[in-house]
Amino acid sequence: MLCWGNASFGQLGLGGIDEEIVLEPRKSDFFINKKVRDVGCGLRHTVFVLHDGTVYTCGCNDLGQLGHEKSRKKPGPYI
């Protein structure tokens, strides 16, 4: 999967990168050997649905929108 755009809250799922804005598409290592079925983008968070039905989220979690306890810069499982 290729990701670019605002990364200030980890919403691209690229991990601990220094850039707040990613101008050119970058491959996310998290999705190697995973098939993504759908992506939902919020202002500060992102939701990924894989082909097997599992859901991963990353980004800002100030309102609990990620479905787990804290913010993440890499996708984590939605519980």
PDB file of N, CA and C in Angstrom:
ATOM      1  N   MET A   1       0.839  -1.164   0.000  1.00  0.00           N
ATOM      2  CA  MET A   1       0.000   0.000   0.000  1.00  0.00           C
ATOM      3  C   MET A   1       0.890   1.236   0.000  1.00  0.00           C
ATOM      4  N   LEU A   2       0.510   2.224  -0.767  1.00  0.00           N
ATOM      5  CA  LEU A   2       1.231   3.492  -0.805  1.00  0.00           C
ATOM      6  C   LEU A   2       0.469   4.545  -0.022  1.00  0.00           C
ATOM      7  N   CYS A   3       1.191   5.339   0.773  1.00  0.00           N
ATOM      8  CA  CYS A   3       0.577   6.363   1.607  1.00  0.00           C
ATOM      9  C   CYS A   3       1.294   7.692   1.427  1.00  0.00           C
ATOM     10  N   TRP A   4       0.535   8.792   1.454  1.00  0.00           N
ATOM     11  CA  TRP A   4       1.124  10.129   1.434  1.00  0.00           C
ATOM     12  C   TRP A   4       0.116  11.113   1.977  1.00  0.00           C
ATOM     13  N   GLY A   5       0.598  12.279   2.372  1.00  0.00           N
ATOM     14  CA  GLY A   5      -0.270  13.318   2.916  1.00  0.00           C
ATOM     15  C   GLY A   5       0.187  13.740   4.303  1.00  0.00           C
ATOM     16  N   ASN A   6      -0.751  14.206   5.118  1.00  0.00           N
ATOM     17  CA  ASN A   6      -0.456  14.667   6.465  1.00  0.00           C
ATOM     18  C   ASN A   6      -0.176  13.457   7.357  1.00  0.00           C
ATOM     19  N   ALA A   7       0.965  13.469   8.030  1.00  0.00           N
ATOM     20  CA  ALA A   7       1.361  12.363   8.904  1.00  0.00           C
ATOM     21  C   ALA A   7       1.581  12.824  10.336  1.00  0.00           C
ATOM     22  N   SER A   8       1.095  14.019  10.683  1.00  0.00           N
ATOM     23  CA  SER A   8       1.404  14.610  11.981  1.00  0.00           C
ATOM     24  C   SER A   8       0.851  13.819  13.161  1.00  0.00           C
ATOM     25  N   PHE A   9      -0.174  13.001  12.967  1.00  0.00           N
ATOM     26  CA  PHE A   9      -0.746  12.195  14.041  1.00  0.00           C
ATOM     27  C   PHE A   9      -0.519  10.704  13.821  1.00  0.00           C
ATOM     28  N   GLY A  10       0.304  10.343  12.836  1.00  0.00           N
ATOM     29  CA  GLY A  10       0.545   8.934  12.537  1.00  0.00           C
ATOM     30  C   GLY A  10      -0.540   8.302  11.696  1.00  0.00           C
ATOM     31  N   GLN A  11      -1.425   9.124  11.126  1.00  0.00           N
ATOM     32  CA  GLN A  11      -2.575   8.603  10.393  1.00  0.00           C
ATOM     33  C   GLN A  11      -2.233   7.889   9.094  1.00  0.00           C
ATOM     34  N   LEU A  12      -1.004   7.991   8.623  1.00  0.00           N
ATOM     35  CA  LEU A  12      -0.621   7.257   7.410  1.00  0.00           C
ATOM     36  C   LEU A  12      -0.184   5.834   7.720  1.00  0.00           C
ATOM     37  N   GLY A  13       0.100   5.541   8.980  1.00  0.00           N
ATOM     38  CA  GLY A  13       0.510   4.198   9.360  1.00  0.00           C
ATOM     39  C   GLY A  13       1.934   3.849   8.972  1.00  0.00           C
ATOM     40  N   LEU A  14       2.761   4.859   8.763  1.00  0.00           N
ATOM     41  CA  LEU A  14       4.139   4.633   8.328  1.00  0.00           C
ATOM     42  C   LEU A  14       5.117   4.451   9.488  1.00  0.00           C
ATOM     43  N   GLY A  15       4.648   4.548  10.705  1.00  0.00           N
ATOM     44  CA  GLY A  15       5.531   4.381  11.856  1.00  0.00           C
ATOM     45  C   GLY A  15       6.125   5.700  12.295  1.00  0.00           C
ATOM     46  N   GLY A  16       7.233   5.632  13.007  1.00  0.00           N
ATOM     47  CA  GLY A  16       7.861   6.819  13.571  1.00  0.00           C
ATOM     48  C   GLY A  16       8.701   7.592  12.569  1.00  0.00           C
ATOM     49  N   ILE A  17       8.060   8.250  11.623  1.00  0.00           N
ATOM     50  CA  ILE A  17       8.799   9.053  10.642  1.00  0.00           C
ATOM     51  C   ILE A  17       8.902  10.485  11.156  1.00  0.00           C
ATOM     52  N   ASP A  18       9.891  11.205  10.678  1.00  0.00           N
ATOM     53  CA  ASP A  18      10.129  12.579  11.123  1.00  0.00           C
ATOM     54  C   ASP A  18       9.247  13.606  10.422  1.00  0.00           C
ATOM     55  N   GLU A  19       8.852  13.328   9.193  1.00  0.00           N
ATOM     56  CA  GLU A  19       8.085  14.286   8.408  1.00  0.00           C
ATOM     57  C   GLU A  19       6.646  14.384   8.899  1.00  0.00           C
ATOM     58  N   GLU A  20       6.128  15.608   8.942  1.00  0.00           N
ATOM     59  CA  GLU A  20       4.702  15.790   9.231  1.00  0.00           C
ATOM     60  C   GLU A  20       3.876  15.721   7.965  1.00  0.00           C
ATOM     61  N   ILE A  21       4.505  16.028   6.828  1.00  0.00           N
ATOM     62  CA  ILE A  21       3.839  15.941   5.528  1.00  0.00           C
ATOM     63  C   ILE A  21       4.686  15.039   4.630  1.00  0.00           C
ATOM     64  N   VAL A  22       4.065  14.019   4.061  1.00  0.00           N
ATOM     65  CA  VAL A  22       4.736  13.119   3.126  1.00  0.00           C
ATOM     66  C   VAL A  22       4.232  13.499   1.740  1.00  0.00           C
ATOM     67  N   LEU A  23       5.123  14.070   0.922  1.00  0.00           N
ATOM     68  CA  LEU A  23       4.722  14.603  -0.384  1.00  0.00           C
ATOM     69  C   LEU A  23       4.670  13.557  -1.489  1.00  0.00           C
ATOM     70  N   GLU A  24       5.509  12.533  -1.392  1.00  0.00           N
ATOM     71  CA  GLU A  24       5.546  11.505  -2.427  1.00  0.00           C
ATOM     72  C   GLU A  24       5.087  10.181  -1.840  1.00  0.00           C
ATOM     73  N   PRO A  25       4.366   9.378  -2.619  1.00  0.00           N
ATOM     74  CA  PRO A  25       3.887   8.093  -2.107  1.00  0.00           C
ATOM     75  C   PRO A  25       5.015   7.249  -1.527  1.00  0.00           C
ATOM     76  N   ARG A  26       4.727   6.656  -0.367  1.00  0.00           N
ATOM     77  CA  ARG A  26       5.688   5.824   0.343  1.00  0.00           C
ATOM     78  C   ARG A  26       5.031   4.496   0.680  1.00  0.00           C
ATOM     79  N   LYS A  27       5.770   3.412   0.504  1.00  0.00           N
ATOM     80  CA  LYS A  27       5.239   2.084   0.788  1.00  0.00           C
ATOM     81  C   LYS A  27       5.187   1.845   2.294  1.00  0.00           C
ATOM     82  N   SER A  28       4.058   1.340   2.766  1.00  0.00           N
ATOM     83  CA  SER A  28       3.896   0.973   4.166  1.00  0.00           C
ATOM     84  C   SER A  28       4.299  -0.484   4.342  1.00  0.00           C
ATOM     85  N   ASP A  29       5.353  -0.729   5.104  1.00  0.00           N
ATOM     86  CA  ASP A  29       5.837  -2.093   5.333  1.00  0.00           C
ATOM     87  C   ASP A  29       4.822  -2.953   6.077  1.00  0.00           C
ATOM     88  N   PHE A  30       3.937  -2.330   6.840  1.00  0.00           N
ATOM     89  CA  PHE A  30       2.952  -3.084   7.600  1.00  0.00           C
ATOM     90  C   PHE A  30       2.072  -3.946   6.691  1.00  0.00           C
ATOM     91  N   PHE A  31       1.801  -3.480   5.490  1.00  0.00           N
ATOM     92  CA  PHE A  31       0.857  -4.163   4.621  1.00  0.00           C
ATOM     93  C   PHE A  31       1.494  -5.157   3.658  1.00  0.00           C
ATOM     94  N   ILE A  32       2.783  -5.428   3.807  1.00  0.00           N
ATOM     95  CA  ILE A  32       3.431  -6.448   2.981  1.00  0.00           C
ATOM     96  C   ILE A  32       2.767  -7.795   3.289  1.00  0.00           C
ATOM     97  N   ASN A  33       2.380  -8.527   2.286  1.00  0.00           N
ATOM     98  CA  ASN A  33       1.700  -9.828   2.389  1.00  0.00           C
ATOM     99  C   ASN A  33       0.306  -9.736   3.003  1.00  0.00           C
ATOM    100  N   LYS A  34      -0.294  -8.559   3.010  1.00  0.00           N
ATOM    101  CA  LYS A  34      -1.667  -8.385   3.460  1.00  0.00           C
ATOM    102  C   LYS A  34      -2.464  -7.770   2.303  1.00  0.00           C
ATOM    103  N   LYS A  35      -3.700  -8.206   2.154  1.00  0.00           N
ATOM    104  CA  LYS A  35      -4.562  -7.658   1.112  1.00  0.00           C
ATOM    105  C   LYS A  35      -5.564  -6.703   1.750  1.00  0.00           C
ATOM    106  N   VAL A  36      -5.514  -5.443   1.331  1.00  0.00           N
ATOM    107  CA  VAL A  36      -6.408  -4.427   1.860  1.00  0.00           C
ATOM    108  C   VAL A  36      -7.677  -4.385   1.013  1.00  0.00           C
ATOM    109  N   ARG A  37      -8.814  -4.476   1.673  1.00  0.00           N
ATOM    110  CA  ARG A  37     -10.107  -4.432   0.975  1.00  0.00           C
ATOM    111  C   ARG A  37     -10.675  -3.021   0.949  1.00  0.00           C
ATOM    112  N   ASP A  38     -10.482  -2.261   2.048  1.00  0.00           N
ATOM    113  CA  ASP A  38     -11.086  -0.937   2.122  1.00  0.00           C
ATOM    114  C   ASP A  38     -10.278  -0.056   3.063  1.00  0.00           C
ATOM    115  N   VAL A  39     -10.342   1.257   2.829  1.00  0.00           N
ATOM    116  CA  VAL A  39      -9.665   2.243   3.665  1.00  0.00           C
ATOM    117  C   VAL A  39     -10.640   3.370   3.954  1.00  0.00           C
ATOM    118  N   GLY A  40     -10.694   3.780   5.199  1.00  0.00           N
ATOM    119  CA  GLY A  40     -11.506   4.930   5.594  1.00  0.00           C
ATOM    120  C   GLY A  40     -10.599   5.969   6.221  1.00  0.00           C
ATOM    121  N   CYS A  41     -10.631   7.190   5.703  1.00  0.00           N
ATOM    122  CA  CYS A  41      -9.738   8.240   6.181  1.00  0.00           C
ATOM    123  C   CYS A  41     -10.517   9.318   6.925  1.00  0.00           C
ATOM    124  N   GLY A  42     -10.097   9.583   8.149  1.00  0.00           N
ATOM    125  CA  GLY A  42     -10.622  10.700   8.903  1.00  0.00           C
ATOM    126  C   GLY A  42      -9.617  11.833   8.851  1.00  0.00           C
ATOM    127  N   LEU A  43      -9.903  12.908   9.533  1.00  0.00           N
ATOM    128  CA  LEU A  43      -8.983  14.043   9.535  1.00  0.00           C
ATOM    129  C   LEU A  43      -7.647  13.690  10.180  1.00  0.00           C
ATOM    130  N   ARG A  44      -7.689  12.924  11.279  1.00  0.00           N
ATOM    131  CA  ARG A  44      -6.468  12.590  12.015  1.00  0.00           C
ATOM    132  C   ARG A  44      -6.295  11.092  12.247  1.00  0.00           C
ATOM    133  N   HIS A  45      -7.092  10.261  11.610  1.00  0.00           N
ATOM    134  CA  HIS A  45      -6.966   8.813  11.794  1.00  0.00           C
ATOM    135  C   HIS A  45      -7.361   8.087  10.508  1.00  0.00           C
ATOM    136  N   THR A  46      -6.961   6.817  10.434  1.00  0.00           N
ATOM    137  CA  THR A  46      -7.265   5.996   9.264  1.00  0.00           C
ATOM    138  C   THR A  46      -7.668   4.601   9.729  1.00  0.00           C
ATOM    139  N   VAL A  47      -8.619   4.001   9.009  1.00  0.00           N
ATOM    140  CA  VAL A  47      -9.079   2.644   9.283  1.00  0.00           C
ATOM    141  C   VAL A  47      -8.811   1.802   8.042  1.00  0.00           C
ATOM    142  N   PHE A  48      -8.219   0.628   8.241  1.00  0.00           N
ATOM    143  CA  PHE A  48      -7.917  -0.297   7.149  1.00  0.00           C
ATOM    144  C   PHE A  48      -8.686  -1.589   7.392  1.00  0.00           C
ATOM    145  N   VAL A  49      -9.429  -2.051   6.392  1.00  0.00           N
ATOM    146  CA  VAL A  49     -10.117  -3.340   6.478  1.00  0.00           C
ATOM    147  C   VAL A  49      -9.388  -4.283   5.527  1.00  0.00           C
ATOM    148  N   LEU A  50      -8.911  -5.400   6.070  1.00  0.00           N
ATOM    149  CA  LEU A  50      -8.203  -6.369   5.252  1.00  0.00           C
ATOM    150  C   LEU A  50      -9.180  -7.351   4.616  1.00  0.00           C
ATOM    151  N   HIS A  51      -8.686  -8.070   3.615  1.00  0.00           N
ATOM    152  CA  HIS A  51      -9.506  -9.017   2.865  1.00  0.00           C
ATOM    153  C   HIS A  51     -10.136 -10.074   3.773  1.00  0.00           C
ATOM    154  N   ASP A  52      -9.432 -10.448   4.868  1.00  0.00           N
ATOM    155  CA  ASP A  52      -9.950 -11.468   5.784  1.00  0.00           C
ATOM    156  C   ASP A  52     -10.940 -10.900   6.806  1.00  0.00           C
ATOM    157  N   GLY A  53     -11.241  -9.591   6.719  1.00  0.00           N
ATOM    158  CA  GLY A  53     -12.210  -8.962   7.605  1.00  0.00           C
ATOM    159  C   GLY A  53     -11.625  -8.313   8.848  1.00  0.00           C
ATOM    160  N   THR A  54     -10.335  -8.480   9.095  1.00  0.00           N
ATOM    161  CA  THR A  54      -9.733  -7.826  10.254  1.00  0.00           C
ATOM    162  C   THR A  54      -9.618  -6.332   9.998  1.00  0.00           C
ATOM    163  N   VAL A  55      -9.682  -5.556  11.070  1.00  0.00           N
ATOM    164  CA  VAL A  55      -9.671  -4.101  10.984  1.00  0.00           C
ATOM    165  C   VAL A  55      -8.480  -3.557  11.767  1.00  0.00           C
ATOM    166  N   TYR A  56      -7.745  -2.632  11.156  1.00  0.00           N
ATOM    167  CA  TYR A  56      -6.601  -1.978  11.790  1.00  0.00           C
ATOM    168  C   TYR A  56      -6.811  -0.471  11.723  1.00  0.00           C
ATOM    169  N   THR A  57      -6.339   0.222  12.751  1.00  0.00           N
ATOM    170  CA  THR A  57      -6.478   1.672  12.801  1.00  0.00           C
ATOM    171  C   THR A  57      -5.166   2.310  13.229  1.00  0.00           C
ATOM    172  N   CYS A  58      -4.986   3.578  12.872  1.00  0.00           N
ATOM    173  CA  CYS A  58      -3.810   4.328  13.309  1.00  0.00           C
ATOM    174  C   CYS A  58      -4.130   5.815  13.297  1.00  0.00           C
ATOM    175  N   GLY A  59      -3.335   6.580  14.040  1.00  0.00           N
ATOM    176  CA  GLY A  59      -3.501   8.020  14.078  1.00  0.00           C
ATOM    177  C   GLY A  59      -3.900   8.530  15.444  1.00  0.00           C
ATOM    178  N   CYS A  60      -4.581   9.646  15.467  1.00  0.00           N
ATOM    179  CA  CYS A  60      -5.019  10.310  16.696  1.00  0.00           C
ATOM    180  C   CYS A  60      -6.157   9.522  17.336  1.00  0.00           C
ATOM    181  N   ASN A  61      -6.151   9.451  18.658  1.00  0.00           N
ATOM    182  CA  ASN A  61      -7.167   8.689  19.373  1.00  0.00           C
ATOM    183  C   ASN A  61      -7.799   9.504  20.492  1.00  0.00           C
ATOM    184  N   ASP A  62      -7.854  10.824  20.340  1.00  0.00           N
ATOM    185  CA  ASP A  62      -8.343  11.689  21.420  1.00  0.00           C
ATOM    186  C   ASP A  62      -9.813  11.473  21.756  1.00  0.00           C
ATOM    187  N   LEU A  63     -10.584  10.909  20.848  1.00  0.00           N
ATOM    188  CA  LEU A  63     -11.996  10.628  21.109  1.00  0.00           C
ATOM    189  C   LEU A  63     -12.287   9.123  21.095  1.00  0.00           C
ATOM    190  N   GLY A  64     -11.237   8.300  21.162  1.00  0.00           N
ATOM    191  CA  GLY A  64     -11.407   6.847  21.149  1.00  0.00           C
ATOM    192  C   GLY A  64     -11.726   6.272  19.787  1.00  0.00           C
ATOM    193  N   GLN A  65     -11.493   7.034  18.733  1.00  0.00           N
ATOM    194  CA  GLN A  65     -11.883   6.615  17.387  1.00  0.00           C
ATOM    195  C   GLN A  65     -11.085   5.424  16.845  1.00  0.00           C
ATOM    196  N   LEU A  66      -9.968   5.079  17.476  1.00  0.00           N
ATOM    197  CA  LEU A  66      -9.168   3.965  16.973  1.00  0.00           C
ATOM    198  C   LEU A  66      -9.639   2.610  17.486  1.00  0.00           C
ATOM    199  N   GLY A  67     -10.435   2.595  18.535  1.00  0.00           N
ATOM    200  CA  GLY A  67     -10.926   1.329  19.062  1.00  0.00           C
ATOM    201  C   GLY A  67      -9.939   0.602  19.937  1.00  0.00           C
ATOM    202  N   HIS A  68      -8.859   1.270  20.335  1.00  0.00           N
ATOM    203  CA  HIS A  68      -7.928   0.724  21.312  1.00  0.00           C
ATOM    204  C   HIS A  68      -7.458   1.853  22.201  1.00  0.00           C
ATOM    205  N   GLU A  69      -6.594   1.587  23.145  1.00  0.00           N
ATOM    206  CA  GLU A  69      -6.319   2.525  24.226  1.00  0.00           C
ATOM    207  C   GLU A  69      -5.577   3.804  23.874  1.00  0.00           C
ATOM    208  N   LYS A  70      -4.627   3.776  22.947  1.00  0.00           N
ATOM    209  CA  LYS A  70      -3.853   4.984  22.702  1.00  0.00           C
ATOM    210  C   LYS A  70      -3.594   5.216  21.221  1.00  0.00           C
ATOM    211  N   SER A  71      -3.060   6.380  20.923  1.00  0.00           N
ATOM    212  CA  SER A  71      -2.711   6.713  19.539  1.00  0.00           C
ATOM    213  C   SER A  71      -1.631   5.772  19.036  1.00  0.00           C
ATOM    214  N   ARG A  72      -1.603   5.549  17.735  1.00  0.00           N
ATOM    215  CA  ARG A  72      -0.600   4.667  17.126  1.00  0.00           C
ATOM    216  C   ARG A  72      -0.100   5.274  15.822  1.00  0.00           C
ATOM    217  N   LYS A  73       1.202   5.098  15.598  1.00  0.00           N
ATOM    218  CA  LYS A  73       1.797   5.541  14.340  1.00  0.00           C
ATOM    219  C   LYS A  73       1.907   4.413  13.342  1.00  0.00           C
ATOM    220  N   LYS A  74       1.697   3.167  13.816  1.00  0.00           N
ATOM    221  CA  LYS A  74       1.593   2.011  12.944  1.00  0.00           C
ATOM    222  C   LYS A  74       0.221   1.400  13.186  1.00  0.00           C
ATOM    223  N   PRO A  75      -0.368   0.787  12.183  1.00  0.00           N
ATOM    224  CA  PRO A  75      -1.699   0.225  12.372  1.00  0.00           C
ATOM    225  C   PRO A  75      -1.734  -0.797  13.511  1.00  0.00           C
ATOM    226  N   GLY A  76      -2.767  -0.694  14.324  1.00  0.00           N
ATOM    227  CA  GLY A  76      -2.992  -1.642  15.404  1.00  0.00           C
ATOM    228  C   GLY A  76      -4.380  -2.228  15.265  1.00  0.00           C
ATOM    229  N   PRO A  77      -4.606  -3.412  15.839  1.00  0.00           N
ATOM    230  CA  PRO A  77      -5.907  -4.054  15.682  1.00  0.00           C
ATOM    231  C   PRO A  77      -7.018  -3.301  16.385  1.00  0.00           C
ATOM    232  N   TYR A  78      -8.123  -3.171  15.712  1.00  0.00           N
ATOM    233  CA  TYR A  78      -9.338  -2.598  16.283  1.00  0.00           C
ATOM    234  C   TYR A  78      -9.975  -3.699  17.111  1.00  0.00           C
ATOM    235  N   ILE A  79     -10.272  -3.418  18.361  1.00  0.00           N
ATOM    236  CA  ILE A  79     -10.778  -4.483  19.243  1.00  0.00           C
ATOM    237  C   ILE A  79     -12.273  -4.326  19.429  1.00  0.00           C
TER     238      ILE A  79
END
